[in-house]
Protein backbone atom coordinates (compact mmCIF):
# COMPACT_ATOMS: atom_id res chain seq x y z
CA UNK A 1 25.05 2.68 -1.41
CA UNK A 2 21.06 3.46 -0.95
CA UNK A 3 18.81 1.81 -3.27
CA UNK A 4 15.58 3.43 -4.67
CA UNK A 5 11.99 2.29 -3.32
CA UNK A 6 8.63 2.34 -4.27
CA UNK A 7 6.15 3.44 -1.70
CA UNK A 8 2.67 2.78 -2.64
CA UNK A 9 0.05 4.14 -0.24
CA UNK A 10 -3.83 4.20 -0.09
CA UNK A 11 -5.67 6.39 2.62
CA UNK A 12 -8.76 4.36 4.03
CA UNK A 13 -10.82 3.97 6.99
CA UNK A 14 -10.35 2.04 10.30
CA UNK A 15 -12.94 -0.33 9.21
CA UNK A 16 -11.32 -0.90 5.77
CA UNK A 17 -7.64 -1.10 6.98
CA UNK A 18 -7.33 -5.15 7.00
CA UNK A 19 -9.16 -5.48 3.76
CA UNK A 20 -6.63 -2.78 2.49
CA UNK A 21 -3.62 -4.19 4.13
CA UNK A 22 -4.62 -7.73 2.50
CA UNK A 23 -4.83 -6.28 -0.87
CA UNK A 24 -1.70 -4.34 -0.97
CA UNK A 25 0.40 -7.48 0.36
CA UNK A 26 -1.32 -9.88 -2.17
CA UNK A 27 -0.58 -7.64 -5.10
CA UNK A 28 2.88 -6.68 -4.30
CA UNK A 29 4.08 -9.73 -2.24
CA UNK A 30 5.49 -7.37 0.41
CA UNK A 31 4.34 -6.67 4.12
CA UNK A 32 1.92 -3.67 4.10
CA UNK A 33 2.03 -1.44 7.24
CA UNK A 34 -0.77 0.94 8.50
CA UNK A 35 -1.13 4.17 10.47
CA UNK A 36 -3.79 5.97 11.65
CA UNK A 37 -3.79 9.47 12.54
CA UNK A 38 -5.98 9.54 15.95
CA UNK A 39 -6.67 13.59 15.14
CA UNK A 40 -8.20 12.93 11.83
CA UNK A 41 -9.12 8.98 12.08
CA UNK A 42 -7.55 8.66 8.71
CA UNK A 43 -5.79 5.42 8.16
CA UNK A 44 -2.97 5.07 5.63
CA UNK A 45 -1.76 1.72 4.54
CA UNK A 46 1.52 1.31 2.94
CA UNK A 47 3.63 -0.92 0.86
CA UNK A 48 7.30 -0.72 0.21
CA UNK A 49 9.10 -2.32 -2.66
CA UNK A 50 12.76 -2.75 -2.69
CA UNK A 51 13.22 -2.85 -6.45
CA UNK A 52 10.93 -0.52 -8.42
CA UNK A 53 10.22 -1.79 -11.96
CA UNK A 54 7.60 -1.54 -14.78
CA UNK A 55 5.37 -4.15 -13.36
CA UNK A 56 4.84 -1.84 -10.45
CA UNK A 57 2.42 0.41 -12.74
CA UNK A 58 0.37 -2.82 -13.57
CA UNK A 59 -0.01 -3.52 -9.79
CA UNK A 60 -1.02 -0.03 -8.78
CA UNK A 61 -3.79 -0.05 -11.47
CA UNK A 62 -4.77 -3.65 -10.15
CA UNK A 63 -4.96 -1.87 -6.66
CA UNK A 64 -7.23 0.81 -8.23
CA UNK A 65 -9.43 -1.56 -9.68
CA UNK A 66 -9.99 -3.80 -6.60
CA UNK A 67 -10.60 -0.79 -4.58
């Protein structure tokens, strides 16, 4: 049976990729991934949480405040 996962993503620059990776990993306590579109040079950093819960809203707000 598939379980729902929460994906939280931030679009950033290549220069800020490492900082955003560290932020998402710290806030969500999960490994983060980064993908850069070579054409647009936009980087998307994502974290996947295996069990979405009410605390995730607080975590997302924390990320928004720290960006």
